[in-house]
Every structure is written in C-alpha cells, then in structure tokens.
C-alpha cells in the first residue's frame, strides 16, 4: 500500500481501499480490458470512489485598528522638523518686515 503524502489543508480518504484486478483479452478488434473492483469487505463494486478534499487556507486578516500610510516614524519626525523651521523662518521675516515698517514711520 502506498503511503499517503503530507500536504497541508488536504484530507485523504484513508478508510477506503479497493483491490483492483484487470483482465486483458486479445480480440479481433484489439486488446479488451475489464476491471474488477473489490472493496475491503470482499464485495465487487462497479466503480471506485475516493473522497479527497482540499480546503483553501484562510488569508490572514489585516489588523483593522491600525492603518498603515507607508510613512515611518523617521519620515514623520523629519517633516515635523522642516515644518517647524519653516514657521520659525516665516515669523522672523514678518517681524523684520514689521520692524522696518516701524522704523520708516
């Protein structure tokens, strides 16, 4: 008896076994075959039937409480620093312009 291979998510019908006898006869039309299927209880069957199943593995569900934007923490920190420096420069320029306006009056 052939050993059942191990394949994940595959179920094999290990409880069903048949003895198959093949008769070959040489006729005028060529070779003619006849198969006889005998189940494990010794009864003859007209055909064999095995039940093998494969279950598609579930895909891992993504954690819905965490949304990934593709940004990492370093990128976010760099953007915050650039924004802060930009605001600081704008305020300095505005103050300088205000001081110049006051001096002209």
PDB file of N, CA and C in Angstrom:
ATOM      1  N   UNK A   1       0.846  -1.176   0.000  1.00  0.00           N
ATOM      2  CA  UNK A   1       0.000   0.000   0.000  1.00  0.00           C
ATOM      3  C   UNK A   1       0.890   1.236   0.000  1.00  0.00           C
ATOM      4  N   UNK A   2       0.547   2.185  -0.839  1.00  0.00           N
ATOM      5  CA  UNK A   2       1.325   3.411  -0.960  1.00  0.00           C
ATOM      6  C   UNK A   2       1.034   4.322   0.227  1.00  0.00           C
ATOM      7  N   UNK A   3       2.108   4.970   0.739  1.00  0.00           N
ATOM      8  CA  UNK A   3       1.950   5.864   1.889  1.00  0.00           C
ATOM      9  C   UNK A   3       1.331   7.179   1.442  1.00  0.00           C
ATOM     10  N   UNK A   4       0.424   7.694   2.260  1.00  0.00           N
ATOM     11  CA  UNK A   4      -0.263   8.941   1.949  1.00  0.00           C
ATOM     12  C   UNK A   4       0.682  10.115   2.123  1.00  0.00           C
ATOM     13  N   UNK A   5       0.815  10.978   1.089  1.00  0.00           N
ATOM     14  CA  UNK A   5       1.689  12.141   1.227  1.00  0.00           C
ATOM     15  C   UNK A   5       1.097  13.175   2.188  1.00  0.00           C
ATOM     16  N   UNK A   6       1.956  13.983   2.767  1.00  0.00           N
ATOM     17  CA  UNK A   6       1.507  15.023   3.685  1.00  0.00           C
ATOM     18  C   UNK A   6       1.443  16.336   2.918  1.00  0.00           C
ATOM     19  N   UNK A   7       0.235  16.843   2.736  1.00  0.00           N
ATOM     20  CA  UNK A   7       0.010  18.123   2.074  1.00  0.00           C
ATOM     21  C   UNK A   7      -0.907  18.924   2.989  1.00  0.00           C
ATOM     22  N   UNK A   8      -0.484  20.142   3.330  1.00  0.00           N
ATOM     23  CA  UNK A   8      -1.304  20.934   4.239  1.00  0.00           C
ATOM     24  C   UNK A   8      -2.647  21.263   3.593  1.00  0.00           C
ATOM     25  N   UNK A   9      -3.680  21.272   4.401  1.00  0.00           N
ATOM     26  CA  UNK A   9      -5.070  21.560   4.020  1.00  0.00           C
ATOM     27  C   UNK A   9      -5.687  20.496   3.117  1.00  0.00           C
ATOM     28  N   UNK A  10      -5.062  19.321   3.016  1.00  0.00           N
ATOM     29  CA  UNK A  10      -5.568  18.239   2.177  1.00  0.00           C
ATOM     30  C   UNK A  10      -6.026  17.100   3.073  1.00  0.00           C
ATOM     31  N   UNK A  11      -7.226  16.605   2.841  1.00  0.00           N
ATOM     32  CA  UNK A  11      -7.751  15.462   3.590  1.00  0.00           C
ATOM     33  C   UNK A  11      -7.861  14.277   2.640  1.00  0.00           C
ATOM     34  N   UNK A  12      -7.287  13.164   3.054  1.00  0.00           N
ATOM     35  CA  UNK A  12      -7.283  11.957   2.236  1.00  0.00           C
ATOM     36  C   UNK A  12      -8.293  10.964   2.774  1.00  0.00           C
ATOM     37  N   UNK A  13      -8.868  10.211   1.887  1.00  0.00           N
ATOM     38  CA  UNK A  13      -9.811   9.160   2.254  1.00  0.00           C
ATOM     39  C   UNK A  13      -9.011   7.894   2.552  1.00  0.00           C
ATOM     40  N   UNK A  14      -8.524   7.790   3.790  1.00  0.00           N
ATOM     41  CA  UNK A  14      -7.685   6.653   4.177  1.00  0.00           C
ATOM     42  C   UNK A  14      -8.498   5.395   4.490  1.00  0.00           C
ATOM     43  N   UNK A  15      -9.790   5.544   4.712  1.00  0.00           N
ATOM     44  CA  UNK A  15     -10.615   4.403   5.124  1.00  0.00           C
ATOM     45  C   UNK A  15     -11.119   3.573   3.947  1.00  0.00           C
ATOM     46  N   UNK A  16     -10.948   4.075   2.742  1.00  0.00           N
ATOM     47  CA  UNK A  16     -11.448   3.366   1.577  1.00  0.00           C
ATOM     48  C   UNK A  16     -10.278   2.714   0.841  1.00  0.00           C
ATOM     49  N   UNK A  17     -10.391   1.408   0.638  1.00  0.00           N
ATOM     50  CA  UNK A  17      -9.367   0.707  -0.139  1.00  0.00           C
ATOM     51  C   UNK A  17     -10.052  -0.327  -1.029  1.00  0.00           C
ATOM     52  N   UNK A  18      -9.474  -0.538  -2.179  1.00  0.00           N
ATOM     53  CA  UNK A  18     -10.025  -1.469  -3.147  1.00  0.00           C
ATOM     54  C   UNK A  18      -8.921  -2.362  -3.670  1.00  0.00           C
ATOM     55  N   UNK A  19      -9.297  -3.571  -3.992  1.00  0.00           N
ATOM     56  CA  UNK A  19      -8.412  -4.482  -4.714  1.00  0.00           C
ATOM     57  C   UNK A  19      -8.896  -4.425  -6.158  1.00  0.00           C
ATOM     58  N   UNK A  20      -7.985  -4.109  -7.067  1.00  0.00           N
ATOM     59  CA  UNK A  20      -8.354  -3.968  -8.477  1.00  0.00           C
ATOM     60  C   UNK A  20      -7.679  -5.097  -9.257  1.00  0.00           C
ATOM     61  N   UNK A  21      -8.496  -5.837  -9.997  1.00  0.00           N
ATOM     62  CA  UNK A  21      -7.989  -6.884 -10.867  1.00  0.00           C
ATOM     63  C   UNK A  21      -8.326  -6.490 -12.293  1.00  0.00           C
ATOM     64  N   UNK A  22      -7.318  -6.538 -13.166  1.00  0.00           N
ATOM     65  CA  UNK A  22      -7.533  -6.157 -14.560  1.00  0.00           C
ATOM     66  C   UNK A  22      -7.356  -7.403 -15.424  1.00  0.00           C
ATOM     67  N   UNK A  23      -8.398  -7.695 -16.205  1.00  0.00           N
ATOM     68  CA  UNK A  23      -8.352  -8.804 -17.146  1.00  0.00           C
ATOM     69  C   UNK A  23      -8.166  -8.238 -18.551  1.00  0.00           C
ATOM     70  N   UNK A  24      -7.241  -8.827 -19.307  1.00  0.00           N
ATOM     71  CA  UNK A  24      -6.968  -8.369 -20.673  1.00  0.00           C
ATOM     72  C   UNK A  24      -7.226  -9.534 -21.618  1.00  0.00           C
ATOM     73  N   UNK A  25      -8.001  -9.248 -22.661  1.00  0.00           N
ATOM     74  CA  UNK A  25      -8.333 -10.281 -23.643  1.00  0.00           C
ATOM     75  C   UNK A  25      -7.934  -9.771 -25.029  1.00  0.00           C
ATOM     76  N   UNK A  26      -7.287 -10.626 -25.806  1.00  0.00           N
ATOM     77  CA  UNK A  26      -6.893 -10.273 -27.166  1.00  0.00           C
ATOM     78  C   UNK A  26      -8.028 -10.686 -28.088  1.00  0.00           C
ATOM     79  N   UNK A  27      -8.711  -9.698 -28.650  1.00  0.00           N
ATOM     80  CA  UNK A  27      -9.833  -9.967 -29.551  1.00  0.00           C
ATOM     81  C   UNK A  27      -9.465  -9.557 -30.968  1.00  0.00           C
ATOM     82  N   UNK A  28     -10.354  -9.819 -31.913  1.00  0.00           N
ATOM     83  CA  UNK A  28     -10.131  -9.438 -33.317  1.00  0.00           C
ATOM     84  C   UNK A  28     -10.073  -7.917 -33.466  1.00  0.00           C
ATOM     85  N   UNK A  29     -10.724  -7.199 -32.563  1.00  0.00           N
ATOM     86  CA  UNK A  29     -10.727  -5.728 -32.606  1.00  0.00           C
ATOM     87  C   UNK A  29      -9.538  -5.136 -31.830  1.00  0.00           C
ATOM     88  N   UNK A  30      -8.733  -5.948 -31.206  1.00  0.00           N
ATOM     89  CA  UNK A  30      -7.604  -5.478 -30.418  1.00  0.00           C
ATOM     90  C   UNK A  30      -7.744  -5.914 -28.965  1.00  0.00           C
ATOM     91  N   UNK A  31      -6.928  -5.324 -28.124  1.00  0.00           N
ATOM     92  CA  UNK A  31      -6.979  -5.695 -26.712  1.00  0.00           C
ATOM     93  C   UNK A  31      -8.223  -5.114 -26.046  1.00  0.00           C
ATOM     94  N   UNK A  32      -8.859  -5.946 -25.213  1.00  0.00           N
ATOM     95  CA  UNK A  32     -10.052  -5.538 -24.480  1.00  0.00           C
ATOM     96  C   UNK A  32      -9.746  -5.738 -22.997  1.00  0.00           C
ATOM     97  N   UNK A  33     -10.046  -4.707 -22.204  1.00  0.00           N
ATOM     98  CA  UNK A  33      -9.775  -4.817 -20.769  1.00  0.00           C
ATOM     99  C   UNK A  33     -11.074  -4.841 -19.984  1.00  0.00           C
ATOM    100  N   UNK A  34     -11.013  -5.472 -18.856  1.00  0.00           N
ATOM    101  CA  UNK A  34     -12.138  -5.474 -17.920  1.00  0.00           C
ATOM    102  C   UNK A  34     -11.543  -5.381 -16.521  1.00  0.00           C
ATOM    103  N   UNK A  35     -12.035  -4.408 -15.772  1.00  0.00           N
ATOM    104  CA  UNK A  35     -11.547  -4.202 -14.415  1.00  0.00           C
ATOM    105  C   UNK A  35     -12.588  -4.728 -13.429  1.00  0.00           C
ATOM    106  N   UNK A  36     -12.100  -5.353 -12.382  1.00  0.00           N
ATOM    107  CA  UNK A  36     -12.969  -5.822 -11.305  1.00  0.00           C
ATOM    108  C   UNK A  36     -12.488  -5.150 -10.032  1.00  0.00           C
ATOM    109  N   UNK A  37     -13.421  -4.427  -9.368  1.00  0.00           N
ATOM    110  CA  UNK A  37     -13.103  -3.689  -8.140  1.00  0.00           C
ATOM    111  C   UNK A  37     -13.716  -4.413  -6.956  1.00  0.00           C
ATOM    112  N   UNK A  38     -12.883  -4.706  -5.989  1.00  0.00           N
ATOM    113  CA  UNK A  38     -13.350  -5.413  -4.789  1.00  0.00           C
ATOM    114  C   UNK A  38     -13.065  -4.522  -3.581  1.00  0.00           C
ATOM    115  N   UNK A  39     -14.125  -4.228  -2.798  1.00  0.00           N
ATOM    116  CA  UNK A  39     -13.929  -3.359  -1.637  1.00  0.00           C
ATOM    117  C   UNK A  39     -13.286  -4.127  -0.494  1.00  0.00           C
ATOM    118  N   UNK A  40     -13.017  -3.438   0.602  1.00  0.00           N
ATOM    119  CA  UNK A  40     -12.302  -4.060   1.721  1.00  0.00           C
ATOM    120  C   UNK A  40     -13.106  -5.168   2.398  1.00  0.00           C
ATOM    121  N   UNK A  41     -14.422  -5.240   2.124  1.00  0.00           N
ATOM    122  CA  UNK A  41     -15.260  -6.306   2.691  1.00  0.00           C
ATOM    123  C   UNK A  41     -15.384  -7.494   1.753  1.00  0.00           C
ATOM    124  N   UNK A  42     -14.744  -7.403   0.578  1.00  0.00           N
ATOM    125  CA  UNK A  42     -14.761  -8.522  -0.368  1.00  0.00           C
ATOM    126  C   UNK A  42     -15.882  -8.459  -1.381  1.00  0.00           C
ATOM    127  N   UNK A  43     -16.676  -7.381  -1.381  1.00  0.00           N
ATOM    128  CA  UNK A  43     -17.775  -7.251  -2.335  1.00  0.00           C
ATOM    129  C   UNK A  43     -17.285  -6.555  -3.605  1.00  0.00           C
ATOM    130  N   UNK A  44     -17.805  -7.024  -4.747  1.00  0.00           N
ATOM    131  CA  UNK A  44     -17.438  -6.410  -6.016  1.00  0.00           C
ATOM    132  C   UNK A  44     -18.238  -5.122  -6.206  1.00  0.00           C
ATOM    133  N   UNK A  45     -17.540  -4.120  -6.720  1.00  0.00           N
ATOM    134  CA  UNK A  45     -18.137  -2.805  -6.980  1.00  0.00           C
ATOM    135  C   UNK A  45     -18.076  -2.525  -8.470  1.00  0.00           C
ATOM    136  N   UNK A  46     -19.006  -1.712  -8.966  1.00  0.00           N
ATOM    137  CA  UNK A  46     -18.991  -1.349 -10.390  1.00  0.00           C
ATOM    138  C   UNK A  46     -17.985  -0.229 -10.674  1.00  0.00           C
ATOM    139  N   UNK A  47     -17.645   0.547  -9.644  1.00  0.00           N
ATOM    140  CA  UNK A  47     -16.652   1.609  -9.795  1.00  0.00           C
ATOM    141  C   UNK A  47     -16.050   1.907  -8.424  1.00  0.00           C
ATOM    142  N   UNK A  48     -14.994   2.668  -8.439  1.00  0.00           N
ATOM    143  CA  UNK A  48     -14.366   3.052  -7.175  1.00  0.00           C
ATOM    144  C   UNK A  48     -14.647   4.517  -6.904  1.00  0.00           C
ATOM    145  N   UNK A  49     -14.683   4.868  -5.624  1.00  0.00           N
ATOM    146  CA  UNK A  49     -14.959   6.238  -5.243  1.00  0.00           C
ATOM    147  C   UNK A  49     -14.108   6.610  -4.032  1.00  0.00           C
ATOM    148  N   UNK A  50     -13.273   7.601  -4.218  1.00  0.00           N
ATOM    149  CA  UNK A  50     -12.459   8.114  -3.129  1.00  0.00           C
ATOM    150  C   UNK A  50     -12.890   9.551  -2.859  1.00  0.00           C
ATOM    151  N   UNK A  51     -12.853   9.928  -1.613  1.00  0.00           N
ATOM    152  CA  UNK A  51     -13.197  11.297  -1.252  1.00  0.00           C
ATOM    153  C   UNK A  51     -11.964  11.978  -0.682  1.00  0.00           C
ATOM    154  N   UNK A  52     -11.359  12.804  -1.514  1.00  0.00           N
ATOM    155  CA  UNK A  52     -10.229  13.621  -1.078  1.00  0.00           C
ATOM    156  C   UNK A  52     -10.685  15.075  -1.143  1.00  0.00           C
ATOM    157  N   UNK A  53     -10.315  15.854  -0.152  1.00  0.00           N
ATOM    158  CA  UNK A  53     -10.728  17.257  -0.143  1.00  0.00           C
ATOM    159  C   UNK A  53      -9.531  18.161   0.095  1.00  0.00           C
ATOM    160  N   UNK A  54      -9.641  19.359  -0.413  1.00  0.00           N
ATOM    161  CA  UNK A  54      -8.625  20.389  -0.185  1.00  0.00           C
ATOM    162  C   UNK A  54      -9.338  21.643   0.265  1.00  0.00           C
ATOM    163  N   UNK A  55      -8.907  22.180   1.374  1.00  0.00           N
ATOM    164  CA  UNK A  55      -9.503  23.398   1.901  1.00  0.00           C
ATOM    165  C   UNK A  55      -8.515  24.539   1.706  1.00  0.00           C
ATOM    166  N   UNK A  56      -8.961  25.594   1.040  1.00  0.00           N
ATOM    167  CA  UNK A  56      -8.097  26.753   0.812  1.00  0.00           C
ATOM    168  C   UNK A  56      -7.834  27.406   2.163  1.00  0.00           C
ATOM    169  N   UNK A  57      -6.552  27.618   2.495  1.00  0.00           N
ATOM    170  CA  UNK A  57      -6.248  28.216   3.794  1.00  0.00           C
ATOM    171  C   UNK A  57      -6.754  29.653   3.857  1.00  0.00           C
ATOM    172  N   UNK A  58      -7.240  30.055   5.023  1.00  0.00           N
ATOM    173  CA  UNK A  58      -7.735  31.429   5.149  1.00  0.00           C
ATOM    174  C   UNK A  58      -6.589  32.417   5.031  1.00  0.00           C
ATOM    175  N   UNK A  59      -6.882  33.547   4.416  1.00  0.00           N
ATOM    176  CA  UNK A  59      -5.869  34.592   4.315  1.00  0.00           C
ATOM    177  C   UNK A  59      -5.823  35.348   5.629  1.00  0.00           C
ATOM    178  N   UNK A  60      -4.641  35.731   6.070  1.00  0.00           N
ATOM    179  CA  UNK A  60      -4.561  36.452   7.339  1.00  0.00           C
ATOM    180  C   UNK A  60      -5.287  37.782   7.238  1.00  0.00           C
ATOM    181  N   UNK A  61      -6.132  38.030   8.209  1.00  0.00           N
ATOM    182  CA  UNK A  61      -6.867  39.288   8.232  1.00  0.00           C
ATOM    183  C   UNK A  61      -5.948  40.401   8.700  1.00  0.00           C
ATOM    184  N   UNK A  62      -6.073  41.526   8.032  1.00  0.00           N
ATOM    185  CA  UNK A  62      -5.268  42.663   8.433  1.00  0.00           C
ATOM    186  C   UNK A  62      -5.871  43.270   9.691  1.00  0.00           C
ATOM    187  N   UNK A  63      -5.008  43.809  10.517  1.00  0.00           N
ATOM    188  CA  UNK A  63      -5.451  44.443  11.751  1.00  0.00           C
ATOM    189  C   UNK A  63      -6.165  45.734  11.381  1.00  0.00           C
ATOM    190  N   UNK A  64      -7.494  45.778  11.575  1.00  0.00           N
ATOM    191  CA  UNK A  64      -8.272  46.936  11.142  1.00  0.00           C
ATOM    192  C   UNK A  64      -8.097  48.127  12.066  1.00  0.00           C
ATOM    193  N   UNK A  65      -7.528  47.951  13.252  1.00  0.00           N
ATOM    194  CA  UNK A  65      -7.368  49.075  14.166  1.00  0.00           C
ATOM    195  C   UNK A  65      -6.127  49.900  13.848  1.00  0.00           C
ATOM    196  N   UNK A  66      -5.262  49.415  12.950  1.00  0.00           N
ATOM    197  CA  UNK A  66      -4.037  50.126  12.608  1.00  0.00           C
ATOM    198  C   UNK A  66      -4.022  50.372  11.106  1.00  0.00           C
ATOM    199  N   UNK A  67      -3.964  51.619  10.724  1.00  0.00           N
ATOM    200  CA  UNK A  67      -3.929  51.969   9.308  1.00  0.00           C
ATOM    201  C   UNK A  67      -2.512  52.379   8.958  1.00  0.00           C
ATOM    202  N   UNK A  68      -1.940  51.691   8.011  1.00  0.00           N
ATOM    203  CA  UNK A  68      -0.579  51.995   7.587  1.00  0.00           C
ATOM    204  C   UNK A  68      -0.624  52.937   6.397  1.00  0.00           C
ATOM    205  N   UNK A  69       0.091  54.057   6.511  1.00  0.00           N
ATOM    206  CA  UNK A  69       0.143  55.023   5.415  1.00  0.00           C
ATOM    207  C   UNK A  69       1.406  54.877   4.602  1.00  0.00           C
ATOM    208  N   UNK A  70       2.282  54.026   5.025  1.00  0.00           N
ATOM    209  CA  UNK A  70       3.546  53.854   4.331  1.00  0.00           C
ATOM    210  C   UNK A  70       4.631  54.744   4.905  1.00  0.00           C
ATOM    211  N   UNK A  71       4.269  55.632   5.821  1.00  0.00           N
ATOM    212  CA  UNK A  71       5.247  56.513   6.444  1.00  0.00           C
ATOM    213  C   UNK A  71       5.857  55.820   7.649  1.00  0.00           C
ATOM    214  N   UNK A  72       7.136  56.023   7.849  1.00  0.00           N
ATOM    215  CA  UNK A  72       7.734  55.513   9.067  1.00  0.00           C
ATOM    216  C   UNK A  72       7.958  56.680  10.029  1.00  0.00           C
ATOM    217  N   UNK A  73       8.313  56.416  11.253  1.00  0.00           N
ATOM    218  CA  UNK A  73       8.444  57.454  12.272  1.00  0.00           C
ATOM    219  C   UNK A  73       9.528  58.469  11.924  1.00  0.00           C
ATOM    220  N   UNK A  74      10.618  58.045  11.324  1.00  0.00           N
ATOM    221  CA  UNK A  74      11.706  58.955  10.969  1.00  0.00           C
ATOM    222  C   UNK A  74      11.236  59.972   9.936  1.00  0.00           C
ATOM    223  N   UNK A  75      10.474  59.538   8.955  1.00  0.00           N
ATOM    224  CA  UNK A  75       9.941  60.424   7.931  1.00  0.00           C
ATOM    225  C   UNK A  75       8.999  61.453   8.558  1.00  0.00           C
ATOM    226  N   UNK A  76       8.158  61.002   9.462  1.00  0.00           N
ATOM    227  CA  UNK A  76       7.233  61.902  10.141  1.00  0.00           C
ATOM    228  C   UNK A  76       7.993  62.931  10.971  1.00  0.00           C
ATOM    229  N   UNK A  77       9.006  62.516  11.683  1.00  0.00           N
ATOM    230  CA  UNK A  77       9.818  63.418  12.503  1.00  0.00           C
ATOM    231  C   UNK A  77      10.524  64.451  11.624  1.00  0.00           C
ATOM    232  N   UNK A  78      11.050  64.031  10.504  1.00  0.00           N
ATOM    233  CA  UNK A  78      11.723  64.933   9.575  1.00  0.00           C
ATOM    234  C   UNK A  78      10.748  65.976   9.030  1.00  0.00           C
ATOM    235  N   UNK A  79       9.561  65.565   8.686  1.00  0.00           N
ATOM    236  CA  UNK A  79       8.545  66.501   8.183  1.00  0.00           C
ATOM    237  C   UNK A  79       8.158  67.522   9.254  1.00  0.00           C
ATOM    238  N   UNK A  80       8.002  67.057  10.490  1.00  0.00           N
ATOM    239  CA  UNK A  80       7.663  67.971  11.578  1.00  0.00           C
ATOM    240  C   UNK A  80       8.774  68.999  11.795  1.00  0.00           C
ATOM    241  N   UNK A  81      10.020  68.564  11.746  1.00  0.00           N
ATOM    242  CA  UNK A  81      11.153  69.482  11.924  1.00  0.00           C
ATOM    243  C   UNK A  81      11.199  70.521  10.812  1.00  0.00           C
ATOM    244  N   UNK A  82      11.020  70.102   9.580  1.00  0.00           N
ATOM    245  CA  UNK A  82      11.032  71.030   8.442  1.00  0.00           C
ATOM    246  C   UNK A  82       9.889  72.026   8.557  1.00  0.00           C
ATOM    247  N   UNK A  83       8.705  71.537   8.961  1.00  0.00           N
ATOM    248  CA  UNK A  83       7.553  72.434   9.142  1.00  0.00           C
ATOM    249  C   UNK A  83       7.835  73.454  10.238  1.00  0.00           C
ATOM    250  N   UNK A  84       8.396  73.001  11.342  1.00  0.00           N
ATOM    251  CA  UNK A  84       8.711  73.907  12.453  1.00  0.00           C
ATOM    252  C   UNK A  84       9.725  74.956  12.061  1.00  0.00           C
ATOM    253  N   UNK A  85      10.763  74.565  11.355  1.00  0.00           N
ATOM    254  CA  UNK A  85      11.789  75.507  10.899  1.00  0.00           C
ATOM    255  C   UNK A  85      11.181  76.514   9.917  1.00  0.00           C
ATOM    256  N   UNK A  86      10.307  76.038   9.026  1.00  0.00           N
ATOM    257  CA  UNK A  86       9.647  76.933   8.065  1.00  0.00           C
ATOM    258  C   UNK A  86       8.813  77.980   8.784  1.00  0.00           C
ATOM    259  N   UNK A  87       8.044  77.559   9.770  1.00  0.00           N
ATOM    260  CA  UNK A  87       7.220  78.502  10.547  1.00  0.00           C
ATOM    261  C   UNK A  87       8.127  79.495  11.262  1.00  0.00           C
ATOM    262  N   UNK A  88       9.206  79.034  11.837  1.00  0.00           N
ATOM    263  CA  UNK A  88      10.139  79.913  12.541  1.00  0.00           C
ATOM    264  C   UNK A  88      10.723  80.969  11.597  1.00  0.00           C
ATOM    265  N   UNK A  89      11.123  80.568  10.385  1.00  0.00           N
ATOM    266  CA  UNK A  89      11.687  81.499   9.399  1.00  0.00           C
ATOM    267  C   UNK A  89      10.638  82.520   8.958  1.00  0.00           C
ATOM    268  N   UNK A  90       9.410  82.070   8.725  1.00  0.00           N
ATOM    269  CA  UNK A  90       8.330  82.983   8.319  1.00  0.00           C
ATOM    270  C   UNK A  90       8.085  84.028   9.408  1.00  0.00           C
ATOM    271  N   UNK A  91       8.055  83.596  10.664  1.00  0.00           N
ATOM    272  CA  UNK A  91       7.845  84.544  11.775  1.00  0.00           C
ATOM    273  C   UNK A  91       8.985  85.547  11.830  1.00  0.00           C
ATOM    274  N   UNK A  92      10.222  85.101  11.668  1.00  0.00           N
ATOM    275  CA  UNK A  92      11.385  86.002  11.696  1.00  0.00           C
ATOM    276  C   UNK A  92      11.288  87.038  10.579  1.00  0.00           C
ATOM    277  N   UNK A  93      10.937  86.604   9.377  1.00  0.00           N
ATOM    278  CA  UNK A  93      10.822  87.516   8.240  1.00  0.00           C
ATOM    279  C   UNK A  93       9.724  88.546   8.490  1.00  0.00           C
ATOM    280  N   UNK A  94       8.582  88.105   9.008  1.00  0.00           N
ATOM    281  CA  UNK A  94       7.467  89.007   9.310  1.00  0.00           C
ATOM    282  C   UNK A  94       7.872  90.047  10.356  1.00  0.00           C
ATOM    283  N   UNK A  95       8.559  89.611  11.399  1.00  0.00           N
ATOM    284  CA  UNK A  95       9.000  90.547  12.451  1.00  0.00           C
ATOM    285  C   UNK A  95       9.961  91.585  11.874  1.00  0.00           C
ATOM    286  N   UNK A  96      10.861  91.092  10.990  1.00  0.00           N
ATOM    287  CA  UNK A  96      11.831  92.005  10.380  1.00  0.00           C
ATOM    288  C   UNK A  96      11.105  93.033   9.518  1.00  0.00           C
ATOM    289  N   UNK A  97      10.092  92.573   8.762  1.00  0.00           N
ATOM    290  CA  UNK A  97       9.309  93.485   7.934  1.00  0.00           C
ATOM    291  C   UNK A  97       8.546  94.487   8.798  1.00  0.00           C
ATOM    292  N   UNK A  98       7.994  94.032   9.905  1.00  0.00           N
ATOM    293  CA  UNK A  98       7.254  94.921  10.825  1.00  0.00           C
ATOM    294  C   UNK A  98       8.204  95.947  11.422  1.00  0.00           C
ATOM    295  N   UNK A  99       9.416  95.519  11.813  1.00  0.00           N
ATOM    296  CA  UNK A  99      10.411  96.447  12.382  1.00  0.00           C
ATOM    297  C   UNK A  99      10.824  97.508  11.362  1.00  0.00           C
ATOM    298  N   UNK A 100      10.988  97.102  10.108  1.00  0.00           N
ATOM    299  CA  UNK A 100      11.361  98.032   9.047  1.00  0.00           C
ATOM    300  C   UNK A 100      10.265  99.046   8.799  1.00  0.00           C
ATOM    301  N   UNK A 101       8.993  98.600   8.857  1.00  0.00           N
ATOM    302  CA  UNK A 101       7.849  99.487   8.650  1.00  0.00           C
ATOM    303  C   UNK A 101       7.803 100.522   9.791  1.00  0.00           C
ATOM    304  N   UNK A 102       8.047 100.083  11.039  1.00  0.00           N
ATOM    305  CA  UNK A 102       8.025 100.976  12.216  1.00  0.00           C
ATOM    306  C   UNK A 102       9.142 101.991  12.123  1.00  0.00           C
ATOM    307  N   UNK A 103      10.326 101.595  11.629  1.00  0.00           N
ATOM    308  CA  UNK A 103      11.466 102.497  11.515  1.00  0.00           C
ATOM    309  C   UNK A 103      11.207 103.559  10.439  1.00  0.00           C
ATOM    310  N   UNK A 104      10.473 103.216   9.382  1.00  0.00           N
ATOM    311  CA  UNK A 104      10.206 104.150   8.298  1.00  0.00           C
ATOM    312  C   UNK A 104       9.210 105.229   8.720  1.00  0.00           C
ATOM    313  N   UNK A 105       8.390 104.994   9.694  1.00  0.00           N
ATOM    314  CA  UNK A 105       7.373 105.953  10.140  1.00  0.00           C
ATOM    315  C   UNK A 105       7.985 106.979  10.954  1.00  0.00           C
TER     316      UNK A 105
END
